[in-house]
Amino acid sequence: MKRIETIILLLTILCSSCAKHTSIARLEPEKAFEQAKKEYKLKHYDKAIEKFRSVIFESPAGKWTEESQYLLARSSYLKKNYVQAETEYDFFINTYPNSRFMQKAEYELAVCYFKHSPPFYLEQTATIKAMQELDKFLAKYPDSEYKTKIEKNKKRCIDKLVKKDLQTAKLYLKIGKTKSANIYLKSIQETYPENSYSEEVAMLIAKCSK
């Protein structure tokens, strides 16, 4: 009987000790956040993501939750997992509209859309979406330090869209349908007057007129 009582007592002490340690771990989100940032700085992004998620889960309204969510999104961004990063940035932007990280988050989200856009020969809905996000950023932050980079990415989007229509125009020219080719070429000039293919477009329009 005493042996059973002893075992029960030991189990009680053990359970109490485990509970105590668990409680302490949950009461120290700062330490968990510091560990997550350490992994982030070491570029161990998978581990950082896991730890930032743990901080957010354990302390959803805590002092370090906002920055954890931003760095969670940025870890996916730096991993070049742009689809996942888009989701995390969207959540961050909607949850912390007054965050000190807002401009950086919106810039990186716009870049995600650009990076996520497909090659010119594929369907270009994502590229158009990327341009909209880039324009939205420029409208909101006209004097941003990221302005030059945003404008450069926007130009790349335009060139991608132009190249797709240009290839279609060339195909029509090749099969002798100059009228259809001219429609695409004129549309390029009207919609995207500044692009890297403007001279070639003008040359082909002249060719269609002969």
N, C-alpha and C. Protein backbone atom coordinates (compact mmCIF):
# COMPACT_ATOMS: atom_id res chain seq x y z
N MET A 1 0.83 -1.20 0.00
CA MET A 1 0.00 0.00 0.00
C MET A 1 0.87 1.26 0.00
N LYS A 2 1.87 1.23 0.86
CA LYS A 2 2.78 2.38 0.92
C LYS A 2 3.49 2.59 -0.41
N ARG A 3 3.80 1.44 -1.07
CA ARG A 3 4.50 1.54 -2.36
C ARG A 3 3.62 2.25 -3.39
N ILE A 4 2.33 1.93 -3.39
CA ILE A 4 1.40 2.56 -4.32
C ILE A 4 1.29 4.05 -4.02
N GLU A 5 1.21 4.37 -2.71
CA GLU A 5 1.11 5.78 -2.32
C GLU A 5 2.36 6.55 -2.74
N THR A 6 3.51 5.89 -2.61
CA THR A 6 4.78 6.53 -3.00
C THR A 6 4.80 6.82 -4.51
N ILE A 7 4.35 5.83 -5.30
CA ILE A 7 4.31 5.99 -6.75
C ILE A 7 3.39 7.14 -7.14
N ILE A 8 2.21 7.17 -6.48
CA ILE A 8 1.24 8.25 -6.77
C ILE A 8 1.84 9.60 -6.44
N LEU A 9 2.56 9.67 -5.30
CA LEU A 9 3.20 10.92 -4.88
C LEU A 9 4.24 11.37 -5.90
N LEU A 10 5.06 10.41 -6.37
CA LEU A 10 6.09 10.75 -7.37
C LEU A 10 5.47 11.24 -8.67
N LEU A 11 4.41 10.56 -9.08
CA LEU A 11 3.72 10.97 -10.31
C LEU A 11 3.14 12.37 -10.18
N THR A 12 2.60 12.65 -8.99
CA THR A 12 2.02 13.97 -8.74
C THR A 12 3.08 15.06 -8.82
N ILE A 13 4.24 14.77 -8.20
CA ILE A 13 5.36 15.73 -8.23
C ILE A 13 5.85 15.94 -9.65
N LEU A 14 5.95 14.82 -10.41
CA LEU A 14 6.44 14.89 -11.79
C LEU A 14 5.50 15.71 -12.65
N CYS A 15 4.19 15.45 -12.53
CA CYS A 15 3.20 16.18 -13.30
C CYS A 15 3.22 17.66 -12.94
N SER A 16 3.38 17.92 -11.65
CA SER A 16 3.43 19.30 -11.19
C SER A 16 4.64 20.02 -11.76
N SER A 17 5.77 19.29 -11.80
CA SER A 17 7.00 19.87 -12.33
C SER A 17 6.87 20.17 -13.81
N CYS A 18 6.27 19.22 -14.57
CA CYS A 18 6.08 19.40 -16.01
C CYS A 18 5.18 20.59 -16.28
N ALA A 19 4.11 20.67 -15.49
CA ALA A 19 3.16 21.77 -15.65
C ALA A 19 3.84 23.10 -15.38
N LYS A 20 4.70 23.09 -14.35
CA LYS A 20 5.42 24.30 -13.98
C LYS A 20 6.33 24.76 -15.10
N HIS A 21 7.06 23.82 -15.70
CA HIS A 21 7.97 24.16 -16.80
C HIS A 21 7.20 24.65 -18.01
N THR A 22 6.07 24.00 -18.31
CA THR A 22 5.25 24.42 -19.44
C THR A 22 4.73 25.83 -19.22
N SER A 23 4.28 26.09 -17.98
CA SER A 23 3.77 27.41 -17.63
C SER A 23 4.85 28.46 -17.80
N ILE A 24 6.05 28.14 -17.34
CA ILE A 24 7.16 29.09 -17.47
C ILE A 24 7.46 29.37 -18.93
N ALA A 25 7.48 28.31 -19.77
CA ALA A 25 7.77 28.48 -21.20
C ALA A 25 6.74 29.39 -21.85
N ARG A 26 5.46 29.23 -21.47
CA ARG A 26 4.41 30.03 -22.04
C ARG A 26 4.43 31.46 -21.53
N LEU A 27 5.03 31.67 -20.38
CA LEU A 27 5.11 33.02 -19.82
C LEU A 27 6.37 33.76 -20.29
N GLU A 28 7.14 33.15 -21.18
CA GLU A 28 8.36 33.78 -21.66
C GLU A 28 8.36 33.91 -23.18
N PRO A 29 7.38 34.61 -23.74
CA PRO A 29 7.35 34.80 -25.20
C PRO A 29 8.54 35.60 -25.71
N GLU A 30 9.09 36.45 -24.83
CA GLU A 30 10.26 37.24 -25.24
C GLU A 30 11.44 36.33 -25.59
N LYS A 31 11.64 35.30 -24.77
CA LYS A 31 12.73 34.37 -25.02
C LYS A 31 12.49 33.60 -26.32
N ALA A 32 11.24 33.17 -26.54
CA ALA A 32 10.90 32.46 -27.78
C ALA A 32 11.10 33.38 -28.98
N PHE A 33 10.74 34.65 -28.82
CA PHE A 33 10.93 35.63 -29.90
C PHE A 33 12.40 35.83 -30.21
N GLU A 34 13.22 35.93 -29.18
CA GLU A 34 14.66 36.10 -29.36
C GLU A 34 15.27 34.90 -30.09
N GLN A 35 14.80 33.70 -29.78
CA GLN A 35 15.28 32.50 -30.46
C GLN A 35 14.88 32.51 -31.93
N ALA A 36 13.64 32.95 -32.19
CA ALA A 36 13.15 33.04 -33.57
C ALA A 36 13.98 34.05 -34.36
N LYS A 37 14.27 35.20 -33.75
CA LYS A 37 15.06 36.22 -34.44
C LYS A 37 16.49 35.75 -34.69
N LYS A 38 17.00 34.96 -33.77
CA LYS A 38 18.34 34.41 -33.93
C LYS A 38 18.39 33.51 -35.17
N GLU A 39 17.38 32.64 -35.32
CA GLU A 39 17.32 31.77 -36.50
C GLU A 39 17.15 32.60 -37.77
N TYR A 40 16.35 33.66 -37.66
CA TYR A 40 16.12 34.55 -38.80
C TYR A 40 17.43 35.22 -39.25
N LYS A 41 18.18 35.73 -38.30
CA LYS A 41 19.44 36.41 -38.62
C LYS A 41 20.47 35.44 -39.19
N LEU A 42 20.39 34.16 -38.78
CA LEU A 42 21.29 33.14 -39.30
C LEU A 42 20.82 32.61 -40.66
N LYS A 43 19.70 33.14 -41.14
CA LYS A 43 19.09 32.73 -42.42
C LYS A 43 18.58 31.30 -42.39
N HIS A 44 18.26 30.83 -41.19
CA HIS A 44 17.61 29.52 -41.03
C HIS A 44 16.10 29.76 -41.08
N TYR A 45 15.60 30.06 -42.27
CA TYR A 45 14.25 30.59 -42.39
C TYR A 45 13.16 29.58 -42.01
N ASP A 46 13.38 28.31 -42.31
CA ASP A 46 12.38 27.31 -41.92
C ASP A 46 12.22 27.25 -40.40
N LYS A 47 13.34 27.26 -39.71
CA LYS A 47 13.29 27.24 -38.24
C LYS A 47 12.70 28.54 -37.71
N ALA A 48 13.07 29.65 -38.34
CA ALA A 48 12.54 30.95 -37.91
C ALA A 48 11.03 30.99 -38.06
N ILE A 49 10.54 30.50 -39.20
CA ILE A 49 9.09 30.48 -39.44
C ILE A 49 8.37 29.68 -38.37
N GLU A 50 8.93 28.52 -38.07
CA GLU A 50 8.33 27.66 -37.04
C GLU A 50 8.27 28.36 -35.69
N LYS A 51 9.35 29.03 -35.33
CA LYS A 51 9.42 29.68 -34.02
C LYS A 51 8.56 30.94 -33.96
N PHE A 52 8.52 31.71 -35.04
CA PHE A 52 7.65 32.89 -35.06
C PHE A 52 6.19 32.47 -34.94
N ARG A 53 5.83 31.39 -35.60
CA ARG A 53 4.46 30.89 -35.50
C ARG A 53 4.14 30.48 -34.06
N SER A 54 5.13 29.91 -33.41
CA SER A 54 4.94 29.50 -32.02
C SER A 54 4.69 30.71 -31.12
N VAL A 55 5.45 31.78 -31.34
CA VAL A 55 5.28 33.01 -30.57
C VAL A 55 3.87 33.56 -30.77
N ILE A 56 3.42 33.59 -32.02
CA ILE A 56 2.09 34.12 -32.35
C ILE A 56 1.00 33.26 -31.72
N PHE A 57 1.18 31.95 -31.78
CA PHE A 57 0.19 31.02 -31.23
C PHE A 57 0.10 31.12 -29.72
N GLU A 58 1.26 31.20 -29.07
CA GLU A 58 1.29 31.21 -27.61
C GLU A 58 0.87 32.55 -27.03
N SER A 59 1.13 33.63 -27.80
CA SER A 59 0.81 34.96 -27.27
C SER A 59 0.22 35.83 -28.38
N PRO A 60 -1.01 35.54 -28.83
CA PRO A 60 -1.61 36.23 -29.98
C PRO A 60 -1.78 37.73 -29.81
N ALA A 61 -1.82 38.22 -28.59
CA ALA A 61 -1.96 39.66 -28.36
C ALA A 61 -0.74 40.21 -27.63
N GLY A 62 0.36 39.49 -27.71
CA GLY A 62 1.55 39.86 -26.97
C GLY A 62 2.37 40.97 -27.60
N LYS A 63 3.37 41.41 -26.86
CA LYS A 63 4.24 42.51 -27.26
C LYS A 63 5.04 42.19 -28.52
N TRP A 64 5.36 40.92 -28.74
CA TRP A 64 6.24 40.55 -29.84
C TRP A 64 5.48 39.93 -31.02
N THR A 65 4.16 39.90 -30.94
CA THR A 65 3.36 39.23 -31.97
C THR A 65 3.40 39.97 -33.30
N GLU A 66 3.29 41.28 -33.25
CA GLU A 66 3.28 42.09 -34.48
C GLU A 66 4.57 41.89 -35.28
N GLU A 67 5.70 42.05 -34.61
CA GLU A 67 6.98 41.89 -35.31
C GLU A 67 7.18 40.44 -35.74
N SER A 68 6.69 39.50 -34.94
CA SER A 68 6.80 38.08 -35.32
C SER A 68 6.05 37.81 -36.62
N GLN A 69 4.85 38.39 -36.76
CA GLN A 69 4.07 38.18 -37.98
C GLN A 69 4.77 38.79 -39.19
N TYR A 70 5.35 39.98 -39.00
CA TYR A 70 6.08 40.61 -40.12
C TYR A 70 7.29 39.76 -40.51
N LEU A 71 8.07 39.34 -39.53
CA LEU A 71 9.28 38.56 -39.83
C LEU A 71 8.93 37.15 -40.33
N LEU A 72 7.79 36.66 -39.93
CA LEU A 72 7.30 35.39 -40.47
C LEU A 72 7.05 35.54 -41.98
N ALA A 73 6.38 36.62 -42.36
CA ALA A 73 6.13 36.89 -43.78
C ALA A 73 7.45 37.11 -44.52
N ARG A 74 8.34 37.87 -43.91
CA ARG A 74 9.60 38.19 -44.58
C ARG A 74 10.49 36.96 -44.72
N SER A 75 10.39 36.02 -43.80
CA SER A 75 11.16 34.78 -43.90
C SER A 75 10.74 34.00 -45.15
N SER A 76 9.43 33.93 -45.41
CA SER A 76 8.95 33.28 -46.62
C SER A 76 9.39 34.05 -47.86
N TYR A 77 9.38 35.38 -47.75
CA TYR A 77 9.82 36.25 -48.85
C TYR A 77 11.29 35.99 -49.18
N LEU A 78 12.13 35.92 -48.16
CA LEU A 78 13.55 35.69 -48.37
C LEU A 78 13.85 34.26 -48.83
N LYS A 79 12.94 33.34 -48.51
CA LYS A 79 13.05 31.96 -49.00
C LYS A 79 12.61 31.85 -50.46
N LYS A 80 12.04 32.97 -50.99
CA LYS A 80 11.48 33.04 -52.35
C LYS A 80 10.23 32.18 -52.49
N ASN A 81 9.57 31.94 -51.37
CA ASN A 81 8.27 31.28 -51.39
C ASN A 81 7.23 32.41 -51.45
N TYR A 82 7.08 32.99 -52.65
CA TYR A 82 6.32 34.22 -52.78
C TYR A 82 4.81 34.02 -52.57
N VAL A 83 4.30 32.86 -52.93
CA VAL A 83 2.87 32.60 -52.74
C VAL A 83 2.53 32.60 -51.23
N GLN A 84 3.34 31.90 -50.45
CA GLN A 84 3.13 31.87 -49.00
C GLN A 84 3.35 33.25 -48.39
N ALA A 85 4.38 33.93 -48.88
CA ALA A 85 4.67 35.28 -48.36
C ALA A 85 3.49 36.22 -48.60
N GLU A 86 2.86 36.13 -49.78
CA GLU A 86 1.70 36.96 -50.06
C GLU A 86 0.62 36.78 -49.00
N THR A 87 0.35 35.53 -48.65
CA THR A 87 -0.67 35.22 -47.64
C THR A 87 -0.30 35.83 -46.29
N GLU A 88 0.96 35.68 -45.90
CA GLU A 88 1.41 36.18 -44.59
C GLU A 88 1.41 37.71 -44.55
N TYR A 89 1.84 38.34 -45.66
CA TYR A 89 1.83 39.81 -45.70
C TYR A 89 0.40 40.34 -45.68
N ASP A 90 -0.50 39.70 -46.42
CA ASP A 90 -1.91 40.12 -46.42
C ASP A 90 -2.48 40.09 -45.00
N PHE A 91 -2.18 39.01 -44.29
CA PHE A 91 -2.68 38.89 -42.91
C PHE A 91 -2.08 39.99 -42.04
N PHE A 92 -0.79 40.23 -42.18
CA PHE A 92 -0.12 41.26 -41.39
C PHE A 92 -0.72 42.63 -41.65
N ILE A 93 -0.89 42.98 -42.93
CA ILE A 93 -1.40 44.30 -43.31
C ILE A 93 -2.81 44.52 -42.79
N ASN A 94 -3.63 43.49 -42.86
CA ASN A 94 -5.02 43.60 -42.39
C ASN A 94 -5.12 43.62 -40.86
N THR A 95 -4.16 42.98 -40.21
CA THR A 95 -4.21 42.86 -38.75
C THR A 95 -3.56 44.04 -38.04
N TYR A 96 -2.50 44.60 -38.64
CA TYR A 96 -1.75 45.69 -38.00
C TYR A 96 -1.66 46.91 -38.93
N PRO A 97 -2.78 47.57 -39.21
CA PRO A 97 -2.79 48.67 -40.18
C PRO A 97 -1.93 49.87 -39.79
N ASN A 98 -1.60 50.00 -38.52
CA ASN A 98 -0.79 51.14 -38.06
C ASN A 98 0.64 50.72 -37.69
N SER A 99 1.05 49.58 -38.17
CA SER A 99 2.36 49.06 -37.79
C SER A 99 3.51 49.91 -38.34
N ARG A 100 4.57 49.95 -37.58
CA ARG A 100 5.79 50.64 -38.04
C ARG A 100 6.45 49.90 -39.19
N PHE A 101 6.04 48.65 -39.42
CA PHE A 101 6.60 47.87 -40.52
C PHE A 101 5.73 47.94 -41.79
N MET A 102 4.69 48.78 -41.77
CA MET A 102 3.69 48.74 -42.83
C MET A 102 4.28 49.03 -44.21
N GLN A 103 5.07 50.08 -44.35
CA GLN A 103 5.59 50.42 -45.67
C GLN A 103 6.48 49.30 -46.22
N LYS A 104 7.33 48.75 -45.36
CA LYS A 104 8.19 47.65 -45.79
C LYS A 104 7.36 46.44 -46.19
N ALA A 105 6.32 46.15 -45.42
CA ALA A 105 5.46 45.00 -45.71
C ALA A 105 4.75 45.19 -47.05
N GLU A 106 4.23 46.39 -47.30
CA GLU A 106 3.52 46.65 -48.55
C GLU A 106 4.47 46.65 -49.75
N TYR A 107 5.69 47.13 -49.54
CA TYR A 107 6.69 47.06 -50.60
C TYR A 107 7.02 45.61 -50.94
N GLU A 108 7.29 44.82 -49.92
CA GLU A 108 7.66 43.42 -50.14
C GLU A 108 6.50 42.62 -50.72
N LEU A 109 5.27 42.96 -50.34
CA LEU A 109 4.11 42.29 -50.92
C LEU A 109 4.02 42.61 -52.41
N ALA A 110 4.23 43.88 -52.77
CA ALA A 110 4.21 44.26 -54.19
C ALA A 110 5.27 43.50 -54.98
N VAL A 111 6.44 43.35 -54.38
CA VAL A 111 7.52 42.59 -55.03
C VAL A 111 7.13 41.12 -55.17
N CYS A 112 6.44 40.59 -54.18
CA CYS A 112 5.98 39.19 -54.25
C CYS A 112 5.08 38.99 -55.46
N TYR A 113 4.15 39.91 -55.67
CA TYR A 113 3.26 39.81 -56.83
C TYR A 113 4.06 39.84 -58.13
N PHE A 114 5.07 40.71 -58.17
CA PHE A 114 5.91 40.79 -59.37
C PHE A 114 6.68 39.49 -59.58
N LYS A 115 7.31 39.00 -58.53
CA LYS A 115 8.10 37.77 -58.62
C LYS A 115 7.22 36.56 -58.95
N HIS A 116 5.98 36.62 -58.52
CA HIS A 116 5.04 35.52 -58.71
C HIS A 116 4.47 35.51 -60.13
N SER A 117 4.61 36.64 -60.85
CA SER A 117 4.03 36.73 -62.19
C SER A 117 4.77 35.79 -63.15
N PRO A 118 4.05 35.23 -64.12
CA PRO A 118 4.62 34.19 -65.00
C PRO A 118 5.44 34.77 -66.16
N PRO A 119 6.15 33.92 -66.91
CA PRO A 119 6.84 34.37 -68.12
C PRO A 119 5.85 34.97 -69.12
N PHE A 120 6.35 35.77 -70.05
CA PHE A 120 5.49 36.55 -70.94
C PHE A 120 4.56 35.70 -71.80
N TYR A 121 4.98 34.47 -72.13
CA TYR A 121 4.21 33.65 -73.05
C TYR A 121 3.04 32.93 -72.38
N LEU A 122 2.91 33.08 -71.05
CA LEU A 122 1.78 32.48 -70.34
C LEU A 122 0.69 33.54 -70.09
N GLU A 123 -0.43 33.10 -69.54
CA GLU A 123 -1.53 34.00 -69.23
C GLU A 123 -1.06 35.04 -68.21
N GLN A 124 -1.42 36.32 -68.45
CA GLN A 124 -0.78 37.41 -67.72
C GLN A 124 -1.64 38.10 -66.67
N THR A 125 -2.66 37.44 -66.16
CA THR A 125 -3.50 38.04 -65.12
C THR A 125 -2.67 38.42 -63.89
N ALA A 126 -1.74 37.55 -63.51
CA ALA A 126 -0.90 37.81 -62.33
C ALA A 126 0.01 39.02 -62.55
N THR A 127 0.48 39.21 -63.78
CA THR A 127 1.33 40.36 -64.08
C THR A 127 0.54 41.66 -63.97
N ILE A 128 -0.69 41.64 -64.46
CA ILE A 128 -1.56 42.81 -64.35
C ILE A 128 -1.83 43.12 -62.87
N LYS A 129 -2.06 42.07 -62.08
CA LYS A 129 -2.25 42.24 -60.64
C LYS A 129 -1.01 42.85 -60.00
N ALA A 130 0.16 42.40 -60.42
CA ALA A 130 1.41 42.93 -59.90
C ALA A 130 1.53 44.42 -60.21
N MET A 131 1.17 44.82 -61.44
CA MET A 131 1.23 46.24 -61.81
C MET A 131 0.29 47.07 -60.94
N GLN A 132 -0.89 46.54 -60.68
CA GLN A 132 -1.85 47.25 -59.83
C GLN A 132 -1.30 47.46 -58.43
N GLU A 133 -0.65 46.44 -57.88
CA GLU A 133 -0.07 46.55 -56.54
C GLU A 133 1.10 47.54 -56.53
N LEU A 134 1.89 47.52 -57.58
CA LEU A 134 3.01 48.46 -57.68
C LEU A 134 2.50 49.90 -57.78
N ASP A 135 1.47 50.10 -58.58
CA ASP A 135 0.87 51.43 -58.71
C ASP A 135 0.26 51.88 -57.38
N LYS A 136 -0.38 50.95 -56.68
CA LYS A 136 -1.00 51.26 -55.39
C LYS A 136 0.07 51.73 -54.40
N PHE A 137 1.21 51.06 -54.42
CA PHE A 137 2.29 51.44 -53.50
C PHE A 137 2.80 52.84 -53.84
N LEU A 138 3.02 53.12 -55.13
CA LEU A 138 3.54 54.43 -55.54
C LEU A 138 2.56 55.54 -55.19
N ALA A 139 1.26 55.25 -55.31
CA ALA A 139 0.24 56.25 -54.98
C ALA A 139 0.23 56.55 -53.48
N LYS A 140 0.44 55.52 -52.67
CA LYS A 140 0.40 55.67 -51.21
C LYS A 140 1.70 56.26 -50.66
N TYR A 141 2.84 55.88 -51.30
CA TYR A 141 4.15 56.34 -50.80
C TYR A 141 4.94 56.98 -51.95
N PRO A 142 4.51 58.16 -52.41
CA PRO A 142 5.18 58.78 -53.57
C PRO A 142 6.65 59.14 -53.33
N ASP A 143 7.02 59.32 -52.08
CA ASP A 143 8.41 59.70 -51.77
C ASP A 143 9.17 58.57 -51.08
N SER A 144 8.70 57.36 -51.26
CA SER A 144 9.32 56.21 -50.58
C SER A 144 10.75 55.97 -51.05
N GLU A 145 11.54 55.44 -50.14
CA GLU A 145 12.91 55.06 -50.49
C GLU A 145 12.93 53.90 -51.49
N TYR A 146 11.78 53.21 -51.60
CA TYR A 146 11.69 52.07 -52.52
C TYR A 146 11.15 52.48 -53.90
N LYS A 147 10.93 53.77 -54.10
CA LYS A 147 10.29 54.24 -55.33
C LYS A 147 11.01 53.78 -56.59
N THR A 148 12.32 53.92 -56.62
CA THR A 148 13.09 53.53 -57.82
C THR A 148 12.95 52.05 -58.12
N LYS A 149 13.01 51.23 -57.08
CA LYS A 149 12.89 49.78 -57.27
C LYS A 149 11.49 49.42 -57.76
N ILE A 150 10.48 50.07 -57.19
CA ILE A 150 9.10 49.80 -57.60
C ILE A 150 8.90 50.19 -59.07
N GLU A 151 9.40 51.33 -59.45
CA GLU A 151 9.26 51.78 -60.84
C GLU A 151 9.99 50.84 -61.80
N LYS A 152 11.12 50.33 -61.37
CA LYS A 152 11.88 49.38 -62.19
C LYS A 152 11.08 48.10 -62.39
N ASN A 153 10.46 47.60 -61.34
CA ASN A 153 9.65 46.38 -61.45
C ASN A 153 8.40 46.62 -62.29
N LYS A 154 7.83 47.82 -62.18
CA LYS A 154 6.66 48.15 -63.00
C LYS A 154 7.05 48.15 -64.49
N LYS A 155 8.20 48.69 -64.80
CA LYS A 155 8.68 48.70 -66.18
C LYS A 155 8.86 47.27 -66.71
N ARG A 156 9.34 46.39 -65.85
CA ARG A 156 9.51 44.99 -66.25
C ARG A 156 8.15 44.33 -66.52
N CYS A 157 7.16 44.69 -65.72
CA CYS A 157 5.81 44.17 -65.95
C CYS A 157 5.28 44.65 -67.29
N ILE A 158 5.46 45.94 -67.56
CA ILE A 158 5.00 46.50 -68.83
C ILE A 158 5.68 45.80 -70.00
N ASP A 159 6.99 45.62 -69.90
CA ASP A 159 7.73 44.96 -70.98
C ASP A 159 7.24 43.53 -71.20
N LYS A 160 6.86 42.87 -70.11
CA LYS A 160 6.36 41.50 -70.22
C LYS A 160 5.03 41.46 -70.98
N LEU A 161 4.15 42.40 -70.65
CA LEU A 161 2.86 42.47 -71.32
C LEU A 161 3.01 42.87 -72.78
N VAL A 162 3.92 43.81 -73.03
CA VAL A 162 4.19 44.26 -74.40
C VAL A 162 4.76 43.11 -75.23
N LYS A 163 5.70 42.39 -74.65
CA LYS A 163 6.34 41.29 -75.38
C LYS A 163 5.33 40.22 -75.79
N LYS A 164 4.36 39.96 -74.93
CA LYS A 164 3.33 38.97 -75.26
C LYS A 164 2.52 39.42 -76.48
N ASP A 165 2.06 40.68 -76.46
CA ASP A 165 1.28 41.20 -77.59
C ASP A 165 2.14 41.35 -78.84
N LEU A 166 3.41 41.67 -78.64
CA LEU A 166 4.32 41.81 -79.78
C LEU A 166 4.53 40.48 -80.48
N GLN A 167 4.67 39.43 -79.71
CA GLN A 167 4.82 38.10 -80.29
C GLN A 167 3.58 37.68 -81.06
N THR A 168 2.41 38.05 -80.54
CA THR A 168 1.15 37.76 -81.24
C THR A 168 1.09 38.53 -82.56
N ALA A 169 1.49 39.81 -82.53
CA ALA A 169 1.51 40.63 -83.75
C ALA A 169 2.45 40.04 -84.79
N LYS A 170 3.60 39.59 -84.35
CA LYS A 170 4.57 38.99 -85.27
C LYS A 170 4.02 37.72 -85.91
N LEU A 171 3.28 36.96 -85.12
CA LEU A 171 2.67 35.74 -85.65
C LEU A 171 1.66 36.07 -86.74
N TYR A 172 0.85 37.11 -86.50
CA TYR A 172 -0.12 37.53 -87.53
C TYR A 172 0.59 38.01 -88.79
N LEU A 173 1.68 38.72 -88.60
CA LEU A 173 2.45 39.19 -89.76
C LEU A 173 3.02 38.02 -90.56
N LYS A 174 3.47 37.03 -89.85
CA LYS A 174 4.07 35.86 -90.49
C LYS A 174 3.08 35.11 -91.36
N ILE A 175 1.81 35.10 -90.94
CA ILE A 175 0.81 34.38 -91.74
C ILE A 175 0.03 35.32 -92.67
N GLY A 176 0.52 36.56 -92.77
CA GLY A 176 -0.05 37.49 -93.73
C GLY A 176 -1.26 38.28 -93.27
N LYS A 177 -1.61 38.23 -91.99
CA LYS A 177 -2.76 38.96 -91.48
C LYS A 177 -2.29 40.29 -90.89
N THR A 178 -1.96 41.22 -91.79
CA THR A 178 -1.38 42.50 -91.37
C THR A 178 -2.37 43.37 -90.59
N LYS A 179 -3.65 43.28 -90.93
CA LYS A 179 -4.66 44.09 -90.23
C LYS A 179 -4.72 43.70 -88.75
N SER A 180 -4.75 42.38 -88.49
CA SER A 180 -4.78 41.91 -87.10
C SER A 180 -3.49 42.28 -86.37
N ALA A 181 -2.37 42.15 -87.07
CA ALA A 181 -1.08 42.52 -86.47
C ALA A 181 -1.06 43.99 -86.10
N ASN A 182 -1.60 44.82 -86.99
CA ASN A 182 -1.61 46.26 -86.76
C ASN A 182 -2.46 46.64 -85.55
N ILE A 183 -3.56 45.91 -85.33
CA ILE A 183 -4.42 46.17 -84.16
C ILE A 183 -3.65 45.96 -82.87
N TYR A 184 -2.88 44.86 -82.80
CA TYR A 184 -2.08 44.57 -81.60
C TYR A 184 -0.99 45.61 -81.42
N LEU A 185 -0.34 45.99 -82.49
CA LEU A 185 0.77 46.94 -82.41
C LEU A 185 0.28 48.33 -81.99
N LYS A 186 -0.84 48.75 -82.56
CA LYS A 186 -1.40 50.05 -82.19
C LYS A 186 -1.85 50.06 -80.72
N SER A 187 -2.39 48.92 -80.30
CA SER A 187 -2.81 48.80 -78.91
C SER A 187 -1.63 48.94 -77.96
N ILE A 188 -0.49 48.37 -78.34
CA ILE A 188 0.73 48.50 -77.51
C ILE A 188 1.12 49.96 -77.38
N GLN A 189 1.11 50.68 -78.51
CA GLN A 189 1.50 52.09 -78.49
C GLN A 189 0.57 52.93 -77.62
N GLU A 190 -0.73 52.64 -77.69
CA GLU A 190 -1.70 53.43 -76.95
C GLU A 190 -1.71 53.09 -75.45
N THR A 191 -1.59 51.80 -75.15
CA THR A 191 -1.68 51.36 -73.75
C THR A 191 -0.38 51.54 -72.99
N TYR A 192 0.74 51.23 -73.66
CA TYR A 192 2.05 51.30 -73.00
C TYR A 192 3.02 52.10 -73.87
N PRO A 193 2.83 53.43 -73.92
CA PRO A 193 3.67 54.26 -74.79
C PRO A 193 5.16 54.20 -74.46
N GLU A 194 5.47 53.94 -73.18
CA GLU A 194 6.88 53.84 -72.77
C GLU A 194 7.20 52.38 -72.46
N ASN A 195 7.95 51.77 -73.36
CA ASN A 195 8.37 50.38 -73.15
C ASN A 195 9.68 50.13 -73.89
N SER A 196 10.30 49.00 -73.62
CA SER A 196 11.61 48.71 -74.18
C SER A 196 11.56 48.27 -75.65
N TYR A 197 10.36 48.07 -76.16
CA TYR A 197 10.21 47.58 -77.54
C TYR A 197 9.57 48.62 -78.46
N SER A 198 9.55 49.88 -78.04
CA SER A 198 8.84 50.92 -78.79
C SER A 198 9.36 51.09 -80.22
N GLU A 199 10.67 51.02 -80.42
CA GLU A 199 11.23 51.18 -81.77
C GLU A 199 10.82 50.03 -82.68
N GLU A 200 10.86 48.82 -82.14
CA GLU A 200 10.45 47.64 -82.93
C GLU A 200 8.97 47.70 -83.26
N VAL A 201 8.17 48.15 -82.31
CA VAL A 201 6.73 48.28 -82.55
C VAL A 201 6.46 49.27 -83.66
N ALA A 202 7.13 50.44 -83.62
CA ALA A 202 6.96 51.46 -84.65
C ALA A 202 7.39 50.95 -86.02
N MET A 203 8.47 50.20 -86.05
CA MET A 203 8.96 49.63 -87.31
C MET A 203 7.95 48.66 -87.91
N LEU A 204 7.36 47.84 -87.07
CA LEU A 204 6.39 46.85 -87.55
C LEU A 204 5.08 47.51 -87.98
N ILE A 205 4.70 48.59 -87.33
CA ILE A 205 3.51 49.34 -87.76
C ILE A 205 3.73 49.91 -89.15
N ALA A 206 4.93 50.43 -89.38
CA ALA A 206 5.28 50.96 -90.71
C ALA A 206 5.24 49.83 -91.75
N LYS A 207 5.68 48.66 -91.36
CA LYS A 207 5.68 47.50 -92.26
C LYS A 207 4.25 47.11 -92.63
N CYS A 208 3.34 47.20 -91.66
CA CYS A 208 1.93 46.86 -91.90
C CYS A 208 1.27 47.84 -92.87
N SER A 209 1.79 49.07 -92.92
CA SER A 209 1.18 50.10 -93.75
C SER A 209 1.60 50.01 -95.22
N LYS A 210 2.61 49.20 -95.51
CA LYS A 210 3.11 49.09 -96.90
C LYS A 210 2.18 48.24 -97.75
